[in-house]
Structure formats: structure tokens, C-alpha cells
Amino acid sequence: MTAAHCTRGETPAIMVVVIGDHTRNEVSNPERLTLEVESINAHHLYNPSTFQYDVSLVKTQATIMFNENIQPVCAPDAALTYDHWRSVCSGWGTLSSGGACCPQTLQYVSMNLTTNAYCDAAYPTYRIYDDMICATDNTGSRERDSCQGDSGGPLMVQEADGTFRVVGIVSWGIGCASGYPGVYARVSYYQQWILDMLATL
């Protein structure tokens, strides 16, 4: 699962899925697996102007085998908005807006999920739709954020029992930690579409 804007214009022949990676360009990493892609399935309602429906499912040719270091993440609880939950986003994106790409080691950042009303007010010239979820820090959105190169990556919450749930997909924002919350595709909004797609792939 990734962002539709990441797969736009891509074909299975020029895309691979890498799993089990932690340090990019590491010469020897037995946990890293590179998988060929069978199909790319972006949401048919994706709007590149508004970033609505910014979700895509990528099917690999080979079945992903789980082990101690490669595990699935759980779906979100569709009954929860996750307002004010603590979240974690990970990726190999730049460490500052417009900065050099990319760090060698997988990065992560913790943020707080906001209400959509708060996020919408923070973006006076843009609209935050119901299929979006926002995350920010507690210092005016100027310290912690996802950034360029993180697009399509996961925004997760961890429950009390240790279960991780993916609640968002890195989608868009203005700059990085520039005073605006980061905006993510809200996974719970797409759960039925995801289930329907999985049944046909």
C-alpha cells in the first residue's frame, strides 16, 4: 500500500518492491528482499489537484514471507478518528525541506494526530477532506514532520498491547516542518475499497 501520486505514470516493468531494508546501499543484508511487481492499482478517483483518494495497492509477483524481521502492520479501527493519538512516521526522505536525498538509515519521527478541523484551519487556501488525516508536533509544526522522499510511507499508531496500526499514508504538505501539519491519506476511509480490491487481485 502506497500513495497514488507515487505510482502515477509507473508500470510494473519499471518498479520493484523492497522489503526488510533498514540501511540503504548496505553491501550485505540477508533480510533485504527485492520483489518484482505484478500490478499497480491506484484508486480510480485519485485527484492530483486536491490529493483526494491518494492511495494505491501494489501487488508483487512473489508472495511475501514473514519472519522475525519482516512483519505485517494491522489495519486501523474504522470506528476511531485517532484524534490526538501519538503516531510514528518512517522513511528515507530528506531531513529538511529541499535537502539532499537521502539518509542511509531508515528514519522515524513521532508526532501527534490532529483533528481535521484543526488541520483545515491551518491550511486556509487548501481543503482537508474526510479521506485525509493530519499529524504535527507540539511546537507550531516547526520541528517534526515527514518530508520529500517519504511519500507513500506509513503513518502508524501503537496500541497499549504493542499492536501497530497504519492510519495514514504520506501524501502532501507545504514544505517540511514549516508551520503546517503534514497531510496523509486516511487508511480507514479506504478500508472497504482495499478489501474489495484484494478480493479481485
Foldseek 3Di string as FASTA:
>chain_A
DFFQVVCVPHFLVPDWDWPQDFFPPDPDDPRIDIFGWDGKAQPPPQDPVQRPSGDIDIHTPDDDDDDPRTDDAAADDLVDPQAFAKKKWKFQFPPFFVHDGGGRGIDMDIWTKHDLVVQQVQCVPGHDDPQKTWTAHPPQLQPAADYPGSHGTFIWGADPVGHIHTQWGQTDDDTHSPRHTGMTGGRSVCVVVVVVVVVVD
